[in-house]
Amino acid sequence: MTHLFEILAAAGGVASNDYLAARGVPAPALNNAVARGSLLRLRRGWVSLPDAPPDVIRAVRVGGRLSCLSVLKRHDLWCATDSRLHIRVPADAQNLSSPHDRRVPLGRPERFGIVLHRSHRAQFLDEPEGPVDSFAWALLHSITCQSKIDAIVTLDSALKQGRISLTELEFLAAGLQKTFRAYFALTDPNAASGLETKARLGLRRYNIASRSQVKIRGVGNVDLLIGDRLVVETDGREWHTKPAAYLEDRRRDLALAELGYLVLRLSYAQVMDEWERVVVVIRAIVARDEHRWSPRQLRAGLGTGAELL
């Protein structure tokens, strides 16, 4: 019996009967453990330890696997804020259950705070053995689950972390509609944060060209550079609240000013909630041609500090 609990614990607390049988656990041992209350029977063919992760228990009880944003958050990927439970089930799945009682039909998933994903086709992906989707399955479903901007933010994050290449991504999503595959042309693996991606896409919507992660001597990489000299820096809520980060940002701002750059430092709230106001300011700077080095500035030796990575 100890052997059974060790195997289950190593599997994350939830496993299928087939998974356990392949590791030497006979069906009678499972039945006895369930009868004694040592294990929970989540649905036919699946059991769990009583203290297994609640979100995984709920996903299996419904009849699927934890997936999409519920998995990507575990990988520290930028994605839409969503507290709902994302569950992937087979495309033709029937007889789905309530996440609280397998004897009760699921009905409308939203009443339980569930987003139900009917599985996409993915000929290059194997079904996972366990109750939690692989990174690739979760990423695939996140493309169609989120808004366009949030989906691209997630893809940028995955590319930046080296979790997937653009070529692998194209193979992965080969079965998706062309509308979703078109997102890939808008990704940027250089993007350092989801906030930066949102700002870049927000500029693009107004036909304002920008370059990501441009290296400036004596400063380092800046988030976005518009034209020759307008630097846009995006301050995330976590990193930029630290005293050391605050001081480093001011050092960079002063160094940029010494080199003749204009710096627009945007807070999380300004990018997320006040973007229209931000764009008005940027468009006014561009209309005045202040994002370009003037002949006078060039004669003064400015404009020599930037180089693309």
C-alpha atoms as a PDB file:
ATOM      1  CA  MET A   1       0.000   0.000   0.000  1.00  0.00           C
ATOM      2  CA  THR A   2       2.880   2.356   0.773  1.00  0.00           C
ATOM      3  CA  HIS A   3       4.137   1.657  -2.744  1.00  0.00           C
ATOM      4  CA  LEU A   4       0.792   2.844  -4.174  1.00  0.00           C
ATOM      5  CA  PHE A   5       0.829   6.124  -2.260  1.00  0.00           C
ATOM      6  CA  GLU A   6       4.446   6.804  -3.255  1.00  0.00           C
ATOM      7  CA  ILE A   7       3.614   6.311  -6.939  1.00  0.00           C
ATOM      8  CA  LEU A   8       0.575   8.570  -6.672  1.00  0.00           C
ATOM      9  CA  ALA A   9       2.507  11.260  -4.824  1.00  0.00           C
ATOM     10  CA  ALA A  10       5.247  11.188  -7.489  1.00  0.00           C
ATOM     11  CA  ALA A  11       2.542  11.595 -10.161  1.00  0.00           C
ATOM     12  CA  GLY A  12       1.216  14.741  -8.482  1.00  0.00           C
ATOM     13  CA  GLY A  13      -1.521  13.047  -6.476  1.00  0.00           C
ATOM     14  CA  VAL A  14      -3.808  12.070  -9.365  1.00  0.00           C
ATOM     15  CA  ALA A  15      -3.393   9.178 -11.799  1.00  0.00           C
ATOM     16  CA  SER A  16      -5.332   6.805 -14.007  1.00  0.00           C
ATOM     17  CA  ASN A  17      -5.819   3.135 -13.171  1.00  0.00           C
ATOM     18  CA  ASP A  18      -3.876   2.251 -16.328  1.00  0.00           C
ATOM     19  CA  TYR A  19      -0.938   4.414 -15.226  1.00  0.00           C
ATOM     20  CA  LEU A  20      -0.861   2.694 -11.834  1.00  0.00           C
ATOM     21  CA  ALA A  21      -1.336  -0.785 -13.297  1.00  0.00           C
ATOM     22  CA  ALA A  22       1.676  -0.229 -15.565  1.00  0.00           C
ATOM     23  CA  ARG A  23       3.683   0.423 -12.382  1.00  0.00           C
ATOM     24  CA  GLY A  24       2.606  -2.748 -10.639  1.00  0.00           C
ATOM     25  CA  VAL A  25      -0.477  -1.592  -8.732  1.00  0.00           C
ATOM     26  CA  PRO A  26      -3.329  -4.128  -9.130  1.00  0.00           C
ATOM     27  CA  ALA A  27      -6.967  -3.049  -9.380  1.00  0.00           C
ATOM     28  CA  PRO A  28      -7.981  -4.748  -6.079  1.00  0.00           C
ATOM     29  CA  ALA A  29      -5.444  -2.599  -4.203  1.00  0.00           C
ATOM     30  CA  LEU A  30      -7.054   0.535  -5.649  1.00  0.00           C
ATOM     31  CA  ASN A  31     -10.549  -0.640  -4.805  1.00  0.00           C
ATOM     32  CA  ASN A  32      -9.545  -1.445  -1.235  1.00  0.00           C
ATOM     33  CA  ALA A  33      -7.904   1.967  -0.788  1.00  0.00           C
ATOM     34  CA  VAL A  34     -11.013   3.723  -2.133  1.00  0.00           C
ATOM     35  CA  ALA A  35     -13.270   1.663   0.147  1.00  0.00           C
ATOM     36  CA  ARG A  36     -11.184   2.651   3.175  1.00  0.00           C
ATOM     37  CA  GLY A  37     -11.211   6.322   2.186  1.00  0.00           C
ATOM     38  CA  SER A  38      -7.444   6.453   1.605  1.00  0.00           C
ATOM     39  CA  LEU A  39      -8.056   7.339  -2.052  1.00  0.00           C
ATOM     40  CA  LEU A  40     -10.785   9.214  -3.905  1.00  0.00           C
ATOM     41  CA  ARG A  41     -12.365   7.781  -7.030  1.00  0.00           C
ATOM     42  CA  LEU A  42     -12.721  10.850  -9.231  1.00  0.00           C
ATOM     43  CA  ARG A  43     -14.429   9.101 -12.128  1.00  0.00           C
ATOM     44  CA  ARG A  44     -14.184   5.758 -13.858  1.00  0.00           C
ATOM     45  CA  GLY A  45     -10.518   4.871 -14.299  1.00  0.00           C
ATOM     46  CA  TRP A  46      -9.068   7.717 -12.182  1.00  0.00           C
ATOM     47  CA  VAL A  47      -8.131   8.026  -8.502  1.00  0.00           C
ATOM     48  CA  SER A  48      -6.406  10.605  -6.338  1.00  0.00           C
ATOM     49  CA  LEU A  49      -4.938  11.221  -2.931  1.00  0.00           C
ATOM     50  CA  PRO A  50      -7.356  13.244  -0.757  1.00  0.00           C
ATOM     51  CA  ASP A  51      -4.889  16.159  -0.606  1.00  0.00           C
ATOM     52  CA  ALA A  52      -4.142  16.270  -4.342  1.00  0.00           C
ATOM     53  CA  PRO A  53      -4.341  19.718  -6.025  1.00  0.00           C
ATOM     54  CA  PRO A  54      -8.039  20.735  -6.089  1.00  0.00           C
ATOM     55  CA  ASP A  55      -7.894  22.162  -9.619  1.00  0.00           C
ATOM     56  CA  VAL A  56      -6.526  18.866 -10.983  1.00  0.00           C
ATOM     57  CA  ILE A  57      -9.160  16.855  -9.096  1.00  0.00           C
ATOM     58  CA  ARG A  58     -11.916  19.044 -10.551  1.00  0.00           C
ATOM     59  CA  ALA A  59     -10.551  18.744 -14.105  1.00  0.00           C
ATOM     60  CA  VAL A  60     -10.445  14.938 -13.966  1.00  0.00           C
ATOM     61  CA  ARG A  61     -13.846  14.705 -12.322  1.00  0.00           C
ATOM     62  CA  VAL A  62     -15.293  16.695 -15.236  1.00  0.00           C
ATOM     63  CA  GLY A  63     -13.734  14.218 -17.670  1.00  0.00           C
ATOM     64  CA  GLY A  64     -10.674  16.008 -19.001  1.00  0.00           C
ATOM     65  CA  ARG A  65      -7.278  17.418 -18.187  1.00  0.00           C
ATOM     66  CA  LEU A  66      -6.144  20.724 -16.753  1.00  0.00           C
ATOM     67  CA  SER A  67      -5.093  22.848 -19.745  1.00  0.00           C
ATOM     68  CA  CYS A  68      -4.683  26.230 -21.405  1.00  0.00           C
ATOM     69  CA  LEU A  69      -4.226  29.191 -19.031  1.00  0.00           C
ATOM     70  CA  SER A  70      -4.591  27.005 -15.935  1.00  0.00           C
ATOM     71  CA  VAL A  71      -1.381  25.224 -17.003  1.00  0.00           C
ATOM     72  CA  LEU A  72       0.540  28.153 -18.485  1.00  0.00           C
ATOM     73  CA  LYS A  73       0.288  30.079 -15.217  1.00  0.00           C
ATOM     74  CA  ARG A  74       2.249  27.219 -13.632  1.00  0.00           C
ATOM     75  CA  HIS A  75       5.025  27.891 -16.167  1.00  0.00           C
ATOM     76  CA  ASP A  76       5.190  31.618 -15.296  1.00  0.00           C
ATOM     77  CA  LEU A  77       4.081  32.612 -18.783  1.00  0.00           C
ATOM     78  CA  TRP A  78       2.462  35.977 -19.455  1.00  0.00           C
ATOM     79  CA  CYS A  79      -1.202  35.382 -20.264  1.00  0.00           C
ATOM     80  CA  ALA A  80      -4.614  36.909 -19.686  1.00  0.00           C
ATOM     81  CA  THR A  81      -5.780  37.271 -16.088  1.00  0.00           C
ATOM     82  CA  ASP A  82      -8.372  34.544 -15.704  1.00  0.00           C
ATOM     83  CA  SER A  83      -9.293  32.737 -12.499  1.00  0.00           C
ATOM     84  CA  ARG A  84     -11.539  30.230 -14.262  1.00  0.00           C
ATOM     85  CA  LEU A  85     -10.557  26.567 -14.582  1.00  0.00           C
ATOM     86  CA  HIS A  86      -9.517  25.612 -18.118  1.00  0.00           C
ATOM     87  CA  ILE A  87     -10.157  21.969 -18.981  1.00  0.00           C
ATOM     88  CA  ARG A  88      -9.446  20.144 -22.253  1.00  0.00           C
ATOM     89  CA  VAL A  89     -11.679  17.224 -23.168  1.00  0.00           C
ATOM     90  CA  PRO A  90     -11.752  15.022 -26.293  1.00  0.00           C
ATOM     91  CA  ALA A  91     -13.478  16.676 -29.239  1.00  0.00           C
ATOM     92  CA  ASP A  92     -16.312  14.143 -29.102  1.00  0.00           C
ATOM     93  CA  ALA A  93     -16.510  13.846 -25.306  1.00  0.00           C
ATOM     94  CA  GLN A  94     -19.916  13.110 -23.793  1.00  0.00           C
ATOM     95  CA  ASN A  95     -21.240  12.366 -20.296  1.00  0.00           C
ATOM     96  CA  LEU A  96     -19.143  15.084 -18.696  1.00  0.00           C
ATOM     97  CA  SER A  97     -19.634  15.565 -14.963  1.00  0.00           C
ATOM     98  CA  SER A  98     -19.802  18.316 -12.392  1.00  0.00           C
ATOM     99  CA  PRO A  99     -16.362  19.165 -10.980  1.00  0.00           C
ATOM    100  CA  HIS A 100     -17.768  18.455  -7.503  1.00  0.00           C
ATOM    101  CA  ASP A 101     -19.700  15.216  -8.048  1.00  0.00           C
ATOM    102  CA  ARG A 102     -19.132  12.774 -10.887  1.00  0.00           C
ATOM    103  CA  ARG A 103     -22.754  11.629 -10.623  1.00  0.00           C
ATOM    104  CA  VAL A 104     -24.086  15.062 -11.595  1.00  0.00           C
ATOM    105  CA  PRO A 105     -24.006  16.085 -15.305  1.00  0.00           C
ATOM    106  CA  LEU A 106     -21.844  19.096 -16.122  1.00  0.00           C
ATOM    107  CA  GLY A 107     -24.514  21.070 -17.949  1.00  0.00           C
ATOM    108  CA  ARG A 108     -23.325  24.639 -18.513  1.00  0.00           C
ATOM    109  CA  PRO A 109     -19.597  24.754 -17.621  1.00  0.00           C
ATOM    110  CA  GLU A 110     -19.640  28.495 -16.863  1.00  0.00           C
ATOM    111  CA  ARG A 111     -21.828  27.985 -13.785  1.00  0.00           C
ATOM    112  CA  PHE A 112     -18.868  26.155 -12.228  1.00  0.00           C
ATOM    113  CA  GLY A 113     -16.301  28.716 -13.372  1.00  0.00           C
ATOM    114  CA  ILE A 114     -15.020  26.357 -16.064  1.00  0.00           C
ATOM    115  CA  VAL A 115     -13.813  27.039 -19.594  1.00  0.00           C
ATOM    116  CA  LEU A 116     -14.279  23.811 -21.525  1.00  0.00           C
ATOM    117  CA  HIS A 117     -11.937  23.217 -24.468  1.00  0.00           C
ATOM    118  CA  ARG A 118     -12.916  20.671 -27.084  1.00  0.00           C
ATOM    119  CA  SER A 119      -9.541  19.355 -28.162  1.00  0.00           C
ATOM    120  CA  HIS A 120      -7.902  20.810 -31.258  1.00  0.00           C
ATOM    121  CA  ARG A 121      -6.284  18.466 -33.739  1.00  0.00           C
ATOM    122  CA  ALA A 122      -2.536  18.263 -33.247  1.00  0.00           C
ATOM    123  CA  GLN A 123      -0.956  15.440 -35.200  1.00  0.00           C
ATOM    124  CA  PHE A 124       2.490  16.102 -33.730  1.00  0.00           C
ATOM    125  CA  LEU A 125       1.378  15.913 -30.088  1.00  0.00           C
ATOM    126  CA  ASP A 126       0.871  12.808 -27.983  1.00  0.00           C
ATOM    127  CA  GLU A 127      -1.780  12.681 -25.309  1.00  0.00           C
ATOM    128  CA  PRO A 128      -0.172  13.035 -21.864  1.00  0.00           C
ATOM    129  CA  GLU A 129      -0.465  10.142 -19.414  1.00  0.00           C
ATOM    130  CA  GLY A 130      -1.320  12.389 -16.521  1.00  0.00           C
ATOM    131  CA  PRO A 131      -4.189  14.741 -15.675  1.00  0.00           C
ATOM    132  CA  VAL A 132      -2.314  17.957 -16.543  1.00  0.00           C
ATOM    133  CA  ASP A 133      -1.717  18.932 -20.161  1.00  0.00           C
ATOM    134  CA  SER A 134       1.770  19.347 -21.521  1.00  0.00           C
ATOM    135  CA  PHE A 135       3.096  22.833 -22.150  1.00  0.00           C
ATOM    136  CA  ALA A 136       2.558  22.388 -25.896  1.00  0.00           C
ATOM    137  CA  TRP A 137      -1.099  21.341 -25.564  1.00  0.00           C
ATOM    138  CA  ALA A 138      -1.781  24.221 -23.174  1.00  0.00           C
ATOM    139  CA  LEU A 139      -0.057  26.748 -25.448  1.00  0.00           C
ATOM    140  CA  LEU A 140      -1.988  25.526 -28.485  1.00  0.00           C
ATOM    141  CA  HIS A 141      -5.341  26.070 -26.787  1.00  0.00           C
ATOM    142  CA  SER A 142      -4.305  29.442 -25.381  1.00  0.00           C
ATOM    143  CA  ILE A 143      -4.018  30.796 -28.935  1.00  0.00           C
ATOM    144  CA  THR A 144      -7.748  30.457 -29.587  1.00  0.00           C
ATOM    145  CA  CYS A 145      -8.895  31.032 -26.007  1.00  0.00           C
ATOM    146  CA  GLN A 146      -7.542  34.562 -25.468  1.00  0.00           C
ATOM    147  CA  SER A 147      -7.969  37.869 -27.229  1.00  0.00           C
ATOM    148  CA  LYS A 148      -5.588  38.479 -30.126  1.00  0.00           C
ATOM    149  CA  ILE A 149      -3.297  40.750 -28.106  1.00  0.00           C
ATOM    150  CA  ASP A 150      -3.215  38.442 -25.085  1.00  0.00           C
ATOM    151  CA  ALA A 151      -2.509  35.428 -27.316  1.00  0.00           C
ATOM    152  CA  ILE A 152       0.462  37.216 -28.903  1.00  0.00           C
ATOM    153  CA  VAL A 153       1.698  38.249 -25.445  1.00  0.00           C
ATOM    154  CA  THR A 154       1.663  34.573 -24.439  1.00  0.00           C
ATOM    155  CA  LEU A 155       3.443  33.517 -27.626  1.00  0.00           C
ATOM    156  CA  ASP A 156       6.116  36.205 -27.135  1.00  0.00           C
ATOM    157  CA  SER A 157       6.643  34.967 -23.598  1.00  0.00           C
ATOM    158  CA  ALA A 158       7.020  31.357 -24.724  1.00  0.00           C
ATOM    159  CA  LEU A 159       9.467  32.334 -27.484  1.00  0.00           C
ATOM    160  CA  LYS A 160      11.480  34.582 -25.163  1.00  0.00           C
ATOM    161  CA  GLN A 161      11.829  31.823 -22.573  1.00  0.00           C
ATOM    162  CA  GLY A 162      12.997  29.410 -25.268  1.00  0.00           C
ATOM    163  CA  ARG A 163      10.110  27.060 -24.510  1.00  0.00           C
ATOM    164  CA  ILE A 164       9.305  26.770 -28.206  1.00  0.00           C
ATOM    165  CA  SER A 165      10.706  28.019 -31.514  1.00  0.00           C
ATOM    166  CA  LEU A 166       8.673  29.785 -34.174  1.00  0.00           C
ATOM    167  CA  THR A 167       9.125  26.781 -36.493  1.00  0.00           C
ATOM    168  CA  GLU A 168       7.877  24.410 -33.787  1.00  0.00           C
ATOM    169  CA  LEU A 169       4.978  26.757 -33.128  1.00  0.00           C
ATOM    170  CA  GLU A 170       3.944  26.705 -36.780  1.00  0.00           C
ATOM    171  CA  PHE A 171       3.993  22.887 -36.822  1.00  0.00           C
ATOM    172  CA  LEU A 172       2.067  22.787 -33.549  1.00  0.00           C
ATOM    173  CA  ALA A 173      -0.701  25.067 -34.807  1.00  0.00           C
ATOM    174  CA  ALA A 174      -0.914  23.701 -38.347  1.00  0.00           C
ATOM    175  CA  GLY A 175      -4.522  22.620 -37.777  1.00  0.00           C
ATOM    176  CA  LEU A 176      -5.748  26.006 -36.565  1.00  0.00           C
ATOM    177  CA  GLN A 177      -7.648  28.446 -38.733  1.00  0.00           C
ATOM    178  CA  LYS A 178      -5.560  30.860 -40.787  1.00  0.00           C
ATOM    179  CA  THR A 179      -6.830  33.745 -38.639  1.00  0.00           C
ATOM    180  CA  PHE A 180      -4.991  32.355 -35.614  1.00  0.00           C
ATOM    181  CA  ARG A 181      -1.865  31.294 -37.508  1.00  0.00           C
ATOM    182  CA  ALA A 182      -1.535  34.900 -38.694  1.00  0.00           C
ATOM    183  CA  TYR A 183      -0.679  35.855 -35.109  1.00  0.00           C
ATOM    184  CA  PHE A 184       2.784  34.358 -35.546  1.00  0.00           C
ATOM    185  CA  ALA A 185       3.875  37.160 -37.878  1.00  0.00           C
ATOM    186  CA  LEU A 186       3.203  39.624 -35.055  1.00  0.00           C
ATOM    187  CA  THR A 187       5.338  37.881 -32.451  1.00  0.00           C
ATOM    188  CA  ASP A 188       8.701  39.178 -31.276  1.00  0.00           C
ATOM    189  CA  PRO A 189      11.010  36.772 -29.415  1.00  0.00           C
ATOM    190  CA  ASN A 190      13.049  39.756 -28.179  1.00  0.00           C
ATOM    191  CA  ALA A 191      10.152  41.121 -26.118  1.00  0.00           C
ATOM    192  CA  ALA A 192      11.192  41.212 -22.466  1.00  0.00           C
ATOM    193  CA  SER A 193       7.705  41.308 -20.937  1.00  0.00           C
ATOM    194  CA  GLY A 194       4.028  41.020 -21.686  1.00  0.00           C
ATOM    195  CA  LEU A 195       3.615  44.717 -20.944  1.00  0.00           C
ATOM    196  CA  GLU A 196       6.181  45.551 -23.609  1.00  0.00           C
ATOM    197  CA  THR A 197       4.343  43.363 -26.127  1.00  0.00           C
ATOM    198  CA  LYS A 198       1.047  45.094 -25.345  1.00  0.00           C
ATOM    199  CA  ALA A 199       2.688  48.488 -25.883  1.00  0.00           C
ATOM    200  CA  ARG A 200       4.300  47.387 -29.151  1.00  0.00           C
ATOM    201  CA  LEU A 201       1.023  46.034 -30.511  1.00  0.00           C
ATOM    202  CA  GLY A 202      -0.804  49.127 -29.246  1.00  0.00           C
ATOM    203  CA  LEU A 203       1.588  51.306 -31.275  1.00  0.00           C
ATOM    204  CA  ARG A 204       1.235  49.097 -34.333  1.00  0.00           C
ATOM    205  CA  ARG A 205      -2.535  49.542 -34.224  1.00  0.00           C
ATOM    206  CA  TYR A 206      -1.925  53.243 -34.915  1.00  0.00           C
ATOM    207  CA  ASN A 207       0.735  52.548 -37.566  1.00  0.00           C
ATOM    208  CA  ILE A 208       3.544  53.741 -35.286  1.00  0.00           C
ATOM    209  CA  ALA A 209       6.639  51.674 -36.017  1.00  0.00           C
ATOM    210  CA  SER A 210       8.871  50.660 -33.116  1.00  0.00           C
ATOM    211  CA  ARG A 211      11.842  48.377 -32.483  1.00  0.00           C
ATOM    212  CA  SER A 212      12.098  46.103 -29.456  1.00  0.00           C
ATOM    213  CA  GLN A 213      15.040  45.734 -27.095  1.00  0.00           C
ATOM    214  CA  VAL A 214      17.395  48.181 -28.825  1.00  0.00           C
ATOM    215  CA  LYS A 215      20.822  48.340 -27.220  1.00  0.00           C
ATOM    216  CA  ILE A 216      22.130  51.802 -26.367  1.00  0.00           C
ATOM    217  CA  ARG A 217      25.711  52.163 -25.227  1.00  0.00           C
ATOM    218  CA  GLY A 218      26.034  53.139 -21.578  1.00  0.00           C
ATOM    219  CA  VAL A 219      22.387  52.320 -20.953  1.00  0.00           C
ATOM    220  CA  GLY A 220      21.638  48.769 -22.037  1.00  0.00           C
ATOM    221  CA  ASN A 221      18.531  47.539 -23.791  1.00  0.00           C
ATOM    222  CA  VAL A 222      15.478  49.789 -23.934  1.00  0.00           C
ATOM    223  CA  ASP A 223      12.012  48.287 -24.316  1.00  0.00           C
ATOM    224  CA  LEU A 224      10.914  50.153 -27.448  1.00  0.00           C
ATOM    225  CA  LEU A 225      12.523  52.738 -29.699  1.00  0.00           C
ATOM    226  CA  ILE A 226      10.336  54.855 -31.973  1.00  0.00           C
ATOM    227  CA  GLY A 227      12.210  56.503 -34.805  1.00  0.00           C
ATOM    228  CA  ASP A 228      15.737  57.540 -33.813  1.00  0.00           C
ATOM    229  CA  ARG A 229      15.358  58.845 -30.288  1.00  0.00           C
ATOM    230  CA  LEU A 230      11.959  58.311 -28.624  1.00  0.00           C
ATOM    231  CA  VAL A 231      12.422  55.612 -25.986  1.00  0.00           C
ATOM    232  CA  VAL A 232       9.373  53.954 -24.461  1.00  0.00           C
ATOM    233  CA  GLU A 233       9.991  52.023 -21.249  1.00  0.00           C
ATOM    234  CA  THR A 234       7.255  49.886 -19.649  1.00  0.00           C
ATOM    235  CA  ASP A 235       7.345  49.404 -15.884  1.00  0.00           C
ATOM    236  CA  GLY A 236       5.817  46.135 -14.679  1.00  0.00           C
ATOM    237  CA  ARG A 237       4.138  46.054 -11.283  1.00  0.00           C
ATOM    238  CA  GLU A 238       6.628  43.691  -9.621  1.00  0.00           C
ATOM    239  CA  TRP A 239      10.154  44.510 -10.804  1.00  0.00           C
ATOM    240  CA  HIS A 240       9.811  48.264 -10.790  1.00  0.00           C
ATOM    241  CA  THR A 241       8.494  48.494  -7.238  1.00  0.00           C
ATOM    242  CA  LYS A 242      11.846  47.298  -5.889  1.00  0.00           C
ATOM    243  CA  PRO A 243      14.151  50.067  -4.605  1.00  0.00           C
ATOM    244  CA  ALA A 244      17.158  48.820  -6.592  1.00  0.00           C
ATOM    245  CA  ALA A 245      15.099  48.717  -9.795  1.00  0.00           C
ATOM    246  CA  TYR A 246      13.773  52.218  -9.165  1.00  0.00           C
ATOM    247  CA  LEU A 247      17.320  53.573  -8.828  1.00  0.00           C
ATOM    248  CA  GLU A 248      18.499  51.704 -11.926  1.00  0.00           C
ATOM    249  CA  ASP A 249      15.629  53.124 -13.965  1.00  0.00           C
ATOM    250  CA  ARG A 250      16.580  56.673 -12.944  1.00  0.00           C
ATOM    251  CA  ARG A 251      20.219  56.033 -13.818  1.00  0.00           C
ATOM    252  CA  ARG A 252      19.158  54.861 -17.258  1.00  0.00           C
ATOM    253  CA  ASP A 253      16.809  57.820 -17.775  1.00  0.00           C
ATOM    254  CA  LEU A 254      19.560  60.302 -16.955  1.00  0.00           C
ATOM    255  CA  ALA A 255      22.040  58.511 -19.209  1.00  0.00           C
ATOM    256  CA  LEU A 256      19.515  58.555 -22.064  1.00  0.00           C
ATOM    257  CA  ALA A 257      18.897  62.276 -21.551  1.00  0.00           C
ATOM    258  CA  GLU A 258      22.647  62.907 -21.679  1.00  0.00           C
ATOM    259  CA  LEU A 259      22.709  61.178 -25.071  1.00  0.00           C
ATOM    260  CA  GLY A 260      19.812  63.292 -26.347  1.00  0.00           C
ATOM    261  CA  TYR A 261      17.035  60.697 -26.191  1.00  0.00           C
ATOM    262  CA  LEU A 262      13.437  61.440 -25.218  1.00  0.00           C
ATOM    263  CA  VAL A 263      12.189  58.981 -22.598  1.00  0.00           C
ATOM    264  CA  LEU A 264       8.559  58.094 -22.016  1.00  0.00           C
ATOM    265  CA  ARG A 265       8.343  55.798 -18.979  1.00  0.00           C
ATOM    266  CA  LEU A 266       4.935  54.150 -18.681  1.00  0.00           C
ATOM    267  CA  SER A 267       3.426  52.451 -15.655  1.00  0.00           C
ATOM    268  CA  TYR A 268       1.475  49.203 -15.771  1.00  0.00           C
ATOM    269  CA  ALA A 269      -1.786  51.132 -15.357  1.00  0.00           C
ATOM    270  CA  GLN A 270      -0.942  53.558 -18.168  1.00  0.00           C
ATOM    271  CA  VAL A 271      -0.329  50.721 -20.628  1.00  0.00           C
ATOM    272  CA  MET A 272      -3.347  48.680 -19.524  1.00  0.00           C
ATOM    273  CA  ASP A 273      -5.915  51.381 -18.746  1.00  0.00           C
ATOM    274  CA  GLU A 274      -4.827  54.679 -20.297  1.00  0.00           C
ATOM    275  CA  TRP A 275      -3.453  53.584 -23.650  1.00  0.00           C
ATOM    276  CA  GLU A 276      -5.549  56.002 -25.705  1.00  0.00           C
ATOM    277  CA  ARG A 277      -4.081  58.915 -23.751  1.00  0.00           C
ATOM    278  CA  VAL A 278      -0.549  57.531 -24.196  1.00  0.00           C
ATOM    279  CA  VAL A 279      -1.035  57.246 -27.947  1.00  0.00           C
ATOM    280  CA  VAL A 280      -2.182  60.875 -28.205  1.00  0.00           C
ATOM    281  CA  VAL A 281       1.096  61.963 -26.580  1.00  0.00           C
ATOM    282  CA  ILE A 282       3.247  59.724 -28.794  1.00  0.00           C
ATOM    283  CA  ARG A 283       1.470  60.751 -31.993  1.00  0.00           C
ATOM    284  CA  ALA A 284       2.005  64.413 -31.110  1.00  0.00           C
ATOM    285  CA  ILE A 285       5.753  63.805 -30.654  1.00  0.00           C
ATOM    286  CA  VAL A 286       5.920  61.958 -33.969  1.00  0.00           C
ATOM    287  CA  ALA A 287       3.900  64.685 -35.737  1.00  0.00           C
ATOM    288  CA  ARG A 288       6.447  67.235 -34.561  1.00  0.00           C
ATOM    289  CA  ASP A 289       9.212  64.968 -35.878  1.00  0.00           C
ATOM    290  CA  GLU A 290      10.810  64.965 -32.432  1.00  0.00           C
ATOM    291  CA  HIS A 291      11.364  61.198 -32.644  1.00  0.00           C
ATOM    292  CA  ARG A 292      14.081  61.887 -35.253  1.00  0.00           C
ATOM    293  CA  TRP A 293      17.502  63.423 -34.790  1.00  0.00           C
ATOM    294  CA  SER A 294      17.527  66.957 -36.124  1.00  0.00           C
ATOM    295  CA  PRO A 295      20.448  68.182 -38.269  1.00  0.00           C
ATOM    296  CA  ARG A 296      21.461  70.353 -35.345  1.00  0.00           C
ATOM    297  CA  GLN A 297      21.576  67.381 -32.978  1.00  0.00           C
ATOM    298  CA  LEU A 298      23.547  65.328 -35.468  1.00  0.00           C
ATOM    299  CA  ARG A 299      26.081  68.128 -35.863  1.00  0.00           C
ATOM    300  CA  ALA A 300      26.408  68.147 -32.063  1.00  0.00           C
ATOM    301  CA  GLY A 301      27.407  64.465 -32.196  1.00  0.00           C
ATOM    302  CA  LEU A 302      24.164  63.010 -30.891  1.00  0.00           C
ATOM    303  CA  GLY A 303      22.574  59.902 -32.347  1.00  0.00           C
ATOM    304  CA  THR A 304      25.657  57.703 -32.208  1.00  0.00           C
ATOM    305  CA  GLY A 305      24.773  55.625 -29.133  1.00  0.00           C
ATOM    306  CA  ALA A 306      22.253  53.145 -30.515  1.00  0.00           C
ATOM    307  CA  GLU A 307      22.841  49.820 -32.167  1.00  0.00           C
ATOM    308  CA  LEU A 308      20.375  47.051 -32.899  1.00  0.00           C
ATOM    309  CA  LEU A 309      21.051  43.746 -31.176  1.00  0.00           C
END
